[in-house]
Amino acid sequence: MLISDNGIGIPENSDVFNSNSLGLELIHSLVDQLDGEVKISSKNGTIFQIIFPHT
């Protein structure tokens, strides 16, 4: 699953995997529950790639 925008992106010095943001906490919680993986890119906006295992 890809979720993206064309905004200013996430600052380079941000630790999105240890954030106090409710939105990011929800994303990580859901992905953990489904044994998935999150990859984040912040070039030309922000891209969240969420990978779920095949069953």
N, C-alpha and C. Protein backbone atom coordinates (compact mmCIF):
# COMPACT_ATOMS: atom_id res chain seq x y z
N MET A 1 0.85 -1.15 0.00
CA MET A 1 0.00 0.00 0.00
C MET A 1 0.91 1.23 0.00
N LEU A 2 0.62 2.19 -0.88
CA LEU A 2 1.36 3.43 -0.92
C LEU A 2 0.43 4.59 -0.56
N ILE A 3 0.90 5.44 0.30
CA ILE A 3 0.18 6.66 0.67
C ILE A 3 1.17 7.79 0.51
N SER A 4 0.79 8.81 -0.26
CA SER A 4 1.75 9.88 -0.51
C SER A 4 1.05 11.23 -0.62
N ASP A 5 1.86 12.28 -0.50
CA ASP A 5 1.39 13.63 -0.75
C ASP A 5 2.51 14.40 -1.44
N ASN A 6 2.22 15.61 -1.85
CA ASN A 6 3.22 16.41 -2.54
C ASN A 6 3.60 17.65 -1.73
N GLY A 7 3.51 17.52 -0.41
CA GLY A 7 3.83 18.63 0.49
C GLY A 7 5.32 18.82 0.67
N ILE A 8 5.69 19.48 1.75
CA ILE A 8 7.10 19.81 2.00
C ILE A 8 7.91 18.62 2.51
N GLY A 9 7.25 17.55 2.87
CA GLY A 9 7.94 16.35 3.36
C GLY A 9 8.23 16.42 4.85
N ILE A 10 8.82 15.38 5.36
CA ILE A 10 9.17 15.28 6.77
C ILE A 10 10.61 15.76 6.91
N PRO A 11 10.90 16.62 7.88
CA PRO A 11 12.28 17.09 8.06
C PRO A 11 13.26 15.93 8.24
N GLU A 12 14.45 16.09 7.68
CA GLU A 12 15.46 15.02 7.74
C GLU A 12 15.83 14.60 9.15
N ASN A 13 15.79 15.53 10.09
CA ASN A 13 16.20 15.21 11.46
C ASN A 13 15.07 14.60 12.29
N SER A 14 13.92 14.35 11.69
CA SER A 14 12.79 13.74 12.42
C SER A 14 12.97 12.23 12.50
N ASP A 15 12.70 11.68 13.66
CA ASP A 15 12.74 10.23 13.84
C ASP A 15 11.30 9.72 13.80
N VAL A 16 10.81 9.39 12.62
CA VAL A 16 9.41 9.01 12.46
C VAL A 16 9.09 7.67 13.11
N PHE A 17 10.10 6.88 13.43
CA PHE A 17 9.84 5.59 14.07
C PHE A 17 9.77 5.71 15.59
N ASN A 18 10.14 6.86 16.12
CA ASN A 18 10.04 7.11 17.56
C ASN A 18 9.38 8.47 17.78
N SER A 19 8.25 8.66 17.15
CA SER A 19 7.55 9.94 17.20
C SER A 19 6.40 9.89 18.20
N ASN A 20 6.06 11.05 18.75
CA ASN A 20 4.91 11.15 19.63
C ASN A 20 3.64 11.54 18.87
N SER A 21 3.71 11.55 17.55
CA SER A 21 2.56 11.90 16.72
C SER A 21 1.52 10.78 16.78
N LEU A 22 0.27 11.14 17.06
CA LEU A 22 -0.79 10.14 17.13
C LEU A 22 -0.94 9.41 15.81
N GLY A 23 -0.88 10.13 14.70
CA GLY A 23 -1.03 9.50 13.39
C GLY A 23 0.04 8.46 13.14
N LEU A 24 1.29 8.80 13.43
CA LEU A 24 2.38 7.84 13.22
C LEU A 24 2.28 6.67 14.19
N GLU A 25 1.85 6.92 15.42
CA GLU A 25 1.66 5.83 16.38
C GLU A 25 0.59 4.86 15.89
N LEU A 26 -0.49 5.39 15.31
CA LEU A 26 -1.55 4.53 14.77
C LEU A 26 -1.06 3.70 13.60
N ILE A 27 -0.28 4.31 12.71
CA ILE A 27 0.26 3.59 11.56
C ILE A 27 1.15 2.45 12.05
N HIS A 28 2.07 2.75 12.96
CA HIS A 28 2.99 1.71 13.45
C HIS A 28 2.24 0.62 14.21
N SER A 29 1.22 0.98 14.96
CA SER A 29 0.44 0.00 15.70
C SER A 29 -0.28 -0.96 14.75
N LEU A 30 -0.92 -0.41 13.72
CA LEU A 30 -1.64 -1.24 12.76
C LEU A 30 -0.67 -2.17 12.02
N VAL A 31 0.43 -1.61 11.57
CA VAL A 31 1.40 -2.41 10.81
C VAL A 31 1.99 -3.51 11.70
N ASP A 32 2.27 -3.21 12.96
CA ASP A 32 2.78 -4.23 13.88
C ASP A 32 1.77 -5.35 14.09
N GLN A 33 0.50 -4.98 14.24
CA GLN A 33 -0.54 -5.99 14.46
C GLN A 33 -0.67 -6.94 13.27
N LEU A 34 -0.38 -6.43 12.08
CA LEU A 34 -0.52 -7.24 10.87
C LEU A 34 0.82 -7.79 10.39
N ASP A 35 1.85 -7.71 11.24
CA ASP A 35 3.20 -8.19 10.91
C ASP A 35 3.72 -7.59 9.61
N GLY A 36 3.42 -6.31 9.42
CA GLY A 36 3.86 -5.62 8.21
C GLY A 36 5.13 -4.84 8.43
N GLU A 37 5.46 -4.04 7.43
CA GLU A 37 6.68 -3.22 7.45
C GLU A 37 6.34 -1.85 6.86
N VAL A 38 6.93 -0.80 7.41
CA VAL A 38 6.72 0.56 6.91
C VAL A 38 8.04 1.10 6.38
N LYS A 39 7.99 1.66 5.18
CA LYS A 39 9.13 2.37 4.62
C LYS A 39 8.66 3.80 4.33
N ILE A 40 9.47 4.77 4.70
CA ILE A 40 9.09 6.17 4.55
C ILE A 40 10.15 6.90 3.74
N SER A 41 9.68 7.65 2.75
CA SER A 41 10.56 8.48 1.94
C SER A 41 10.04 9.91 2.00
N SER A 42 10.93 10.86 2.02
CA SER A 42 10.51 12.25 2.10
C SER A 42 11.20 13.07 1.01
N LYS A 43 11.03 12.64 -0.22
CA LYS A 43 11.55 13.37 -1.37
C LYS A 43 10.37 13.75 -2.24
N ASN A 44 10.25 15.03 -2.56
CA ASN A 44 9.10 15.52 -3.33
C ASN A 44 7.79 15.17 -2.64
N GLY A 45 7.69 15.47 -1.36
CA GLY A 45 6.53 15.11 -0.56
C GLY A 45 6.90 13.97 0.36
N THR A 46 5.91 13.31 0.88
CA THR A 46 6.14 12.18 1.78
C THR A 46 5.46 10.94 1.20
N ILE A 47 6.15 9.83 1.24
CA ILE A 47 5.60 8.56 0.77
C ILE A 47 5.72 7.54 1.89
N PHE A 48 4.60 6.94 2.26
CA PHE A 48 4.57 5.82 3.20
C PHE A 48 4.29 4.57 2.38
N GLN A 49 5.20 3.62 2.42
CA GLN A 49 4.98 2.33 1.78
C GLN A 49 4.76 1.32 2.89
N ILE A 50 3.59 0.72 2.90
CA ILE A 50 3.24 -0.27 3.92
C ILE A 50 3.16 -1.63 3.24
N ILE A 51 3.99 -2.56 3.72
CA ILE A 51 4.08 -3.88 3.11
C ILE A 51 3.53 -4.90 4.09
N PHE A 52 2.52 -5.65 3.63
CA PHE A 52 1.90 -6.69 4.45
C PHE A 52 2.35 -8.05 3.92
N PRO A 53 2.59 -9.00 4.82
CA PRO A 53 3.04 -10.33 4.37
C PRO A 53 1.90 -11.07 3.66
N HIS A 54 2.29 -11.94 2.76
CA HIS A 54 1.31 -12.80 2.08
C HIS A 54 0.85 -13.89 3.04
N THR A 55 -0.39 -14.25 2.94
CA THR A 55 -0.89 -15.34 3.80
C THR A 55 -1.12 -16.58 3.00
